[in-house]
């Protein structure tokens, strides 16, 4: 064997060992989940509840893919089951299970009268209104709810991310990749490292100074970026995205109407709209018009948040335990009014 051939063979063997060792270590140490922050167990169903820790909180997901304990396929006789659809806001990002919107809503409803209520948490990280409508059609109505509540976030006009072949959420495509590299956790880790070297990881982007002078910290920059994006969209909605959002809400309305199940759409504010003088409520006004157009029963939660005292958010979009309680009280009052 020539010297060149030996060198090439050595490089190939070394590369193979490097790749295999990296793959083994990446999987054994759970590096993708540690860096991504969204454990894939959050998206894993039972039959025994999948358990994990996410942003420092113990989380369990039952056999139906819902956050919380195991439940029967149908509600018990005399029990009014409420299915709450939504994204990470409804799921309760950063909030312990007993303090989530759905847990507080169930306790509040049961404390208000003799009727028995059961509230199911169908919030899923990254979902938009289209995904929620599809969940309702595929799984939600089969659970026999007597009420459906949609927790609507101001970013629901945006498309939901897809699953990367290794099981993490991504907006970067590759959801249908079939190559080894598309299914390699080590390759994904190397891609993230390359993005970090270029300064394009989302954490790095949001840590940059905000152009409007809000601040240089990650939280302030994130809030400023989200506010610009969301307020900008609702001020002049992109026709394709607005049509998509409208169609999904109409789909939810039609599904619930056909099943004879009352539907309530609860619209969550964001932190930059609460506790400030003269907040820009263009999103809520635009959505109120859409609710009227579609003959939907919608509940604007901004008033309840604005009337509450204290800090109600963990970040720009996610209510903390206090904020979840505020939303639960307002939704409980709206549901009680139906009876």
Protein backbone atom coordinates (compact mmCIF):
# COMPACT_ATOMS: atom_id res chain seq x y z
CA UNK A 1 0.00 0.00 0.00
CA UNK A 2 1.37 3.39 -0.94
CA UNK A 3 1.97 6.12 1.59
CA UNK A 4 -0.90 8.19 0.17
CA UNK A 5 -3.27 5.24 0.45
CA UNK A 6 -2.23 4.64 4.03
CA UNK A 7 -2.83 8.29 4.89
CA UNK A 8 -6.26 8.25 3.23
CA UNK A 9 -7.17 5.01 5.00
CA UNK A 10 -6.03 6.44 8.31
CA UNK A 11 -8.09 9.58 7.79
CA UNK A 12 -11.17 7.53 6.92
CA UNK A 13 -10.75 5.26 9.92
CA UNK A 14 -10.14 8.25 12.21
CA UNK A 15 -13.19 10.03 10.83
CA UNK A 16 -15.33 6.93 11.34
CA UNK A 17 -14.12 6.56 14.93
CA UNK A 18 -14.71 10.27 15.57
CA UNK A 19 -18.24 10.11 14.14
CA UNK A 20 -19.15 6.91 15.96
CA UNK A 21 -17.74 8.14 19.27
CA UNK A 22 -19.50 11.48 18.88
CA UNK A 23 -22.81 9.79 18.11
CA UNK A 24 -22.51 7.48 21.11
CA UNK A 25 -21.61 10.32 23.47
CA UNK A 26 -24.28 12.67 22.09
CA UNK A 27 -26.99 10.07 22.67
CA UNK A 28 -25.67 8.72 25.99
CA UNK A 29 -25.37 12.21 27.50
CA UNK A 30 -28.61 13.56 26.01
CA UNK A 31 -26.74 16.57 24.64
CA UNK A 32 -29.41 17.46 22.08
CA UNK A 33 -32.10 17.69 24.75
CA UNK A 34 -29.79 19.57 27.12
CA UNK A 35 -28.92 22.20 24.53
CA UNK A 36 -32.32 22.41 22.88
CA UNK A 37 -34.23 22.82 26.12
CA UNK A 38 -37.25 20.89 24.81
CA UNK A 39 -36.93 17.30 25.98
CA UNK A 40 -38.37 14.94 23.41
CA UNK A 41 -40.21 13.13 26.21
CA UNK A 42 -42.62 16.07 26.21
CA UNK A 43 -43.89 14.77 22.87
CA UNK A 44 -43.98 11.10 23.93
CA UNK A 45 -47.23 9.41 24.96
CA UNK A 46 -47.75 6.60 27.54
CA UNK A 47 -49.42 4.18 28.18
CA UNK A 48 -47.74 5.09 31.46
CA UNK A 49 -47.24 8.82 31.65
CA UNK A 50 -43.91 9.90 30.15
CA UNK A 51 -42.02 11.93 32.71
CA UNK A 52 -39.22 14.43 32.28
CA UNK A 53 -37.97 17.78 33.54
CA UNK A 54 -38.41 20.78 31.31
CA UNK A 55 -37.13 24.28 32.15
CA UNK A 56 -36.70 23.09 35.72
CA UNK A 57 -40.26 21.76 36.06
CA UNK A 58 -41.40 18.14 36.43
CA UNK A 59 -43.64 17.28 33.48
CA UNK A 60 -45.75 14.22 32.72
CA UNK A 61 -47.60 13.39 29.50
CA UNK A 62 -50.33 10.76 29.46
CA UNK A 63 -51.31 8.12 26.92
CA UNK A 64 -53.42 10.61 24.97
CA UNK A 65 -50.54 13.08 24.59
CA UNK A 66 -51.99 15.48 27.16
CA UNK A 67 -50.07 17.09 29.98
CA UNK A 68 -51.25 15.64 33.27
CA UNK A 69 -52.37 12.36 34.80
CA UNK A 70 -53.89 9.41 33.00
CA UNK A 71 -57.57 9.82 32.13
CA UNK A 72 -60.38 7.64 30.86
CA UNK A 73 -61.16 7.73 27.16
CA UNK A 74 -64.58 9.22 27.95
CA UNK A 75 -65.73 11.47 30.80
CA UNK A 76 -67.42 9.88 33.78
CA UNK A 77 -71.23 10.17 33.98
CA UNK A 78 -72.23 13.56 35.32
CA UNK A 79 -68.85 15.11 34.52
CA UNK A 80 -68.50 18.00 32.09
CA UNK A 81 -65.19 17.55 30.29
CA UNK A 82 -63.44 20.65 28.97
CA UNK A 83 -60.72 20.26 26.33
CA UNK A 84 -58.26 23.18 26.24
CA UNK A 85 -56.24 23.46 23.03
CA UNK A 86 -53.21 25.69 22.62
CA UNK A 87 -49.47 25.99 22.45
CA UNK A 88 -46.80 26.29 25.16
CA UNK A 89 -48.90 28.95 26.92
CA UNK A 90 -51.67 26.44 27.57
CA UNK A 91 -49.17 23.64 28.19
CA UNK A 92 -47.74 25.84 30.93
CA UNK A 93 -44.12 26.48 30.02
CA UNK A 94 -42.15 26.87 33.23
CA UNK A 95 -45.23 26.33 35.42
CA UNK A 96 -45.73 23.31 37.74
CA UNK A 97 -48.69 21.14 36.80
CA UNK A 98 -50.94 22.17 39.74
CA UNK A 99 -50.53 25.84 38.76
CA UNK A 100 -51.20 25.50 35.04
CA UNK A 101 -54.22 27.15 33.43
CA UNK A 102 -56.07 23.85 33.10
CA UNK A 103 -55.42 22.66 36.66
CA UNK A 104 -56.50 26.00 38.16
CA UNK A 105 -59.50 26.16 35.81
CA UNK A 106 -60.67 22.70 36.92
CA UNK A 107 -60.41 23.61 40.61
CA UNK A 108 -62.15 26.94 40.07
CA UNK A 109 -65.06 25.45 38.15
CA UNK A 110 -65.55 22.70 40.71
CA UNK A 111 -65.51 25.23 43.56
CA UNK A 112 -68.21 27.36 41.93
CA UNK A 113 -71.05 24.87 41.85
CA UNK A 114 -72.38 21.37 42.31
CA UNK A 115 -71.56 20.28 38.76
CA UNK A 116 -68.45 18.17 38.25
CA UNK A 117 -65.86 19.46 35.79
CA UNK A 118 -62.79 17.80 34.28
CA UNK A 119 -60.33 19.98 32.33
CA UNK A 120 -57.83 18.44 29.90
CA UNK A 121 -54.56 20.13 28.90
CA UNK A 122 -54.06 19.68 25.15
CA UNK A 123 -51.47 22.43 24.85
CA UNK A 124 -48.44 21.48 22.74
CA UNK A 125 -45.23 23.48 22.30
CA UNK A 126 -45.06 25.12 18.90
CA UNK A 127 -48.69 24.51 17.92
CA UNK A 128 -50.52 27.12 15.89
CA UNK A 129 -54.26 27.34 15.24
CA UNK A 130 -54.00 25.03 12.22
CA UNK A 131 -52.31 22.34 14.32
CA UNK A 132 -54.92 22.77 17.06
CA UNK A 133 -57.74 22.27 14.56
CA UNK A 134 -56.07 19.12 13.26
CA UNK A 135 -55.58 17.81 16.81
CA UNK A 136 -59.25 18.40 17.53
CA UNK A 137 -60.28 16.46 14.43
CA UNK A 138 -57.86 13.58 14.95
CA UNK A 139 -57.99 13.14 18.73
CA UNK A 140 -59.80 15.87 20.63
CA UNK A 141 -63.46 15.25 19.85
CA UNK A 142 -62.96 11.51 20.44
CA UNK A 143 -62.31 12.35 24.11
CA UNK A 144 -65.93 13.46 24.46
CA UNK A 145 -65.57 17.08 25.60
CA UNK A 146 -68.68 19.07 26.51
CA UNK A 147 -66.73 22.31 26.04
CA UNK A 148 -63.72 23.24 23.89
CA UNK A 149 -61.51 26.18 24.78
CA UNK A 150 -58.76 27.43 22.47
CA UNK A 151 -56.01 29.40 24.17
CA UNK A 152 -54.94 31.70 21.36
CA UNK A 153 -51.49 33.29 21.38
CA UNK A 154 -50.66 36.33 19.29
CA UNK A 155 -48.14 34.30 17.28
CA UNK A 156 -50.76 31.82 16.04
CA UNK A 157 -50.57 33.33 12.57
CA UNK A 158 -47.09 31.78 12.29
CA UNK A 159 -46.69 28.24 10.99
CA UNK A 160 -45.96 25.55 13.53
CA UNK A 161 -42.47 24.01 13.44
CA UNK A 162 -41.98 20.49 12.15
CA UNK A 163 -40.20 17.57 13.75
CA UNK A 164 -36.58 17.08 12.76
CA UNK A 165 -35.83 13.40 12.10
CA UNK A 166 -34.14 13.12 15.52
CA UNK A 167 -37.33 14.37 17.18
CA UNK A 168 -36.68 18.04 17.98
CA UNK A 169 -38.79 20.90 16.71
CA UNK A 170 -37.34 22.98 13.91
CA UNK A 171 -38.35 25.66 11.43
CA UNK A 172 -35.34 24.80 9.28
CA UNK A 173 -36.90 21.97 7.30
CA UNK A 174 -35.28 18.55 7.16
CA UNK A 175 -38.40 17.06 8.74
CA UNK A 176 -38.54 14.43 6.04
CA UNK A 177 -34.81 13.73 5.77
CA UNK A 178 -33.91 10.10 5.26
CA UNK A 179 -30.12 10.24 5.18
CA UNK A 180 -27.95 9.12 8.06
CA UNK A 181 -26.82 12.69 8.66
CA UNK A 182 -30.44 13.83 8.98
CA UNK A 183 -30.94 11.22 11.74
CA UNK A 184 -27.65 11.72 13.54
CA UNK A 185 -27.76 13.56 16.87
CA UNK A 186 -24.03 14.20 16.58
CA UNK A 187 -24.49 15.77 13.13
CA UNK A 188 -27.25 18.00 14.54
CA UNK A 189 -24.95 18.99 17.39
CA UNK A 190 -22.22 19.91 14.90
CA UNK A 191 -24.73 22.02 12.96
CA UNK A 192 -25.63 23.88 16.14
CA UNK A 193 -21.93 24.43 16.91
CA UNK A 194 -21.43 25.84 13.40
CA UNK A 195 -24.37 28.20 13.93
CA UNK A 196 -22.92 29.22 17.28
CA UNK A 197 -19.59 30.01 15.60
CA UNK A 198 -21.44 32.27 13.13
CA UNK A 199 -23.44 33.87 15.95
CA UNK A 200 -26.77 32.78 14.46
CA UNK A 201 -28.20 30.60 17.23
CA UNK A 202 -31.51 32.06 18.42
CA UNK A 203 -30.05 32.56 21.90
CA UNK A 204 -27.27 34.66 20.39
CA UNK A 205 -29.61 36.60 18.15
CA UNK A 206 -31.89 37.58 21.00
CA UNK A 207 -28.91 38.55 23.17
CA UNK A 208 -27.98 41.30 20.73
CA UNK A 209 -28.90 44.91 21.61
CA UNK A 210 -32.41 45.81 20.58
CA UNK A 211 -32.46 48.30 17.72
CA UNK A 212 -35.19 50.40 19.33
CA UNK A 213 -33.25 50.94 22.52
CA UNK A 214 -35.32 48.64 24.71
CA UNK A 215 -32.20 47.03 26.08
CA UNK A 216 -29.26 44.76 25.45
CA UNK A 217 -30.31 41.82 27.58
CA UNK A 218 -31.71 38.67 26.01
CA UNK A 219 -35.13 39.07 27.65
CA UNK A 220 -35.49 42.71 26.61
CA UNK A 221 -34.26 42.02 23.10
CA UNK A 222 -36.63 39.07 22.77
CA UNK A 223 -39.59 41.16 23.95
CA UNK A 224 -38.70 43.93 21.53
CA UNK A 225 -38.29 41.51 18.62
CA UNK A 226 -41.56 39.73 19.38
CA UNK A 227 -43.43 43.01 19.78
CA UNK A 228 -42.16 44.32 16.45
CA UNK A 229 -43.05 41.10 14.66
CA UNK A 230 -46.50 40.62 16.14
CA UNK A 231 -47.63 44.23 16.14
CA UNK A 232 -46.31 44.59 12.61
CA UNK A 233 -48.27 41.59 11.39
CA UNK A 234 -51.59 42.66 12.88
CA UNK A 235 -51.14 46.23 11.65
CA UNK A 236 -50.90 44.92 8.08
CA UNK A 237 -51.62 41.17 7.95
CA UNK A 238 -49.92 39.17 5.22
CA UNK A 239 -52.87 37.91 3.14
CA UNK A 240 -51.71 34.28 2.95
CA UNK A 241 -51.09 33.99 6.69
CA UNK A 242 -54.30 35.80 7.57
CA UNK A 243 -56.28 33.49 5.31
CA UNK A 244 -54.61 30.49 6.94
CA UNK A 245 -55.46 31.74 10.44
CA UNK A 246 -59.03 32.55 9.43
CA UNK A 247 -59.46 29.12 7.86
CA UNK A 248 -58.21 27.35 10.99
CA UNK A 249 -60.61 29.27 13.24
CA UNK A 250 -63.46 28.50 10.87
CA UNK A 251 -62.44 24.84 10.95
CA UNK A 252 -62.54 24.82 14.76
CA UNK A 253 -65.95 26.51 14.69
CA UNK A 254 -67.35 24.02 12.19
CA UNK A 255 -65.99 20.96 14.00
CA UNK A 256 -67.44 22.07 17.31
CA UNK A 257 -70.72 23.07 15.67
CA UNK A 258 -71.10 19.69 14.01
CA UNK A 259 -70.40 17.95 17.33
CA UNK A 260 -72.74 20.24 19.26
CA UNK A 261 -69.90 21.37 21.53
CA UNK A 262 -69.67 25.05 22.58
CA UNK A 263 -66.38 26.69 21.60
CA UNK A 264 -64.62 29.53 23.40
CA UNK A 265 -61.51 31.23 22.00
CA UNK A 266 -59.48 32.91 24.77
CA UNK A 267 -56.96 35.44 23.43
CA UNK A 268 -53.83 35.87 25.57
CA UNK A 269 -51.99 39.21 25.72
CA UNK A 270 -48.21 39.52 25.75
CA UNK A 271 -46.10 41.13 28.42
CA UNK A 272 -45.44 44.40 26.55
CA UNK A 273 -49.21 45.02 26.50
CA UNK A 274 -49.69 44.75 30.27
CA UNK A 275 -48.71 47.27 32.94
CA UNK A 276 -47.91 50.03 30.46
CA UNK A 277 -49.88 53.18 29.60
CA UNK A 278 -51.71 53.14 26.27
CA UNK A 279 -50.69 49.64 25.11
CA UNK A 280 -50.94 48.85 21.42
CA UNK A 281 -53.94 46.51 21.24
CA UNK A 282 -54.06 46.27 17.47
CA UNK A 283 -53.77 42.43 17.60
CA UNK A 284 -56.78 42.10 19.91
CA UNK A 285 -58.80 44.54 17.84
CA UNK A 286 -57.97 42.72 14.63
CA UNK A 287 -58.84 39.34 16.17
CA UNK A 288 -62.09 40.71 17.63
CA UNK A 289 -63.13 41.66 14.11
CA UNK A 290 -62.31 38.17 12.90
CA UNK A 291 -64.33 36.65 15.74
CA UNK A 292 -67.33 38.77 14.76
CA UNK A 293 -66.92 37.83 11.11
CA UNK A 294 -66.83 34.11 11.93
CA UNK A 295 -69.53 34.31 14.64
CA UNK A 296 -67.07 32.94 17.19
CA UNK A 297 -67.34 33.43 20.93
CA UNK A 298 -64.03 35.03 21.86
CA UNK A 299 -62.71 36.21 25.21
CA UNK A 300 -60.06 38.94 25.22
CA UNK A 301 -57.95 38.25 28.31
CA UNK A 302 -56.12 41.58 28.16
CA UNK A 303 -58.64 43.24 30.45
CA UNK A 304 -58.22 40.56 33.13
CA UNK A 305 -54.42 40.79 32.94
CA UNK A 306 -54.47 44.60 32.98
CA UNK A 307 -56.66 44.60 36.10
CA UNK A 308 -54.42 42.17 38.00
CA UNK A 309 -51.54 43.20 40.22
CA UNK A 310 -47.97 41.98 40.13
CA UNK A 311 -45.74 40.25 37.61
CA UNK A 312 -47.77 37.93 35.39
CA UNK A 313 -45.20 36.71 32.85
CA UNK A 314 -42.09 34.55 32.78
CA UNK A 315 -41.12 36.05 29.43
CA UNK A 316 -42.70 38.04 26.65
CA UNK A 317 -45.31 35.42 25.73
CA UNK A 318 -45.62 32.95 28.60
CA UNK A 319 -47.70 33.75 31.69
CA UNK A 320 -46.22 32.59 34.98
CA UNK A 321 -48.31 30.85 37.65
CA UNK A 322 -49.97 34.13 38.62
CA UNK A 323 -50.81 34.89 35.00
CA UNK A 324 -52.17 31.38 34.47
CA UNK A 325 -54.44 31.91 37.48
CA UNK A 326 -55.71 35.20 36.05
CA UNK A 327 -56.55 33.51 32.75
CA UNK A 328 -58.20 30.58 34.53
CA UNK A 329 -60.50 32.86 36.53
CA UNK A 330 -61.62 34.75 33.44
CA UNK A 331 -62.22 31.56 31.44
CA UNK A 332 -64.07 29.96 34.38
CA UNK A 333 -66.41 32.93 34.54
CA UNK A 334 -67.06 32.70 30.80
CA UNK A 335 -67.77 28.95 30.95
CA UNK A 336 -70.00 29.33 34.00
CA UNK A 337 -72.06 31.92 32.14
CA UNK A 338 -73.00 29.23 29.59
CA UNK A 339 -74.73 27.01 32.13
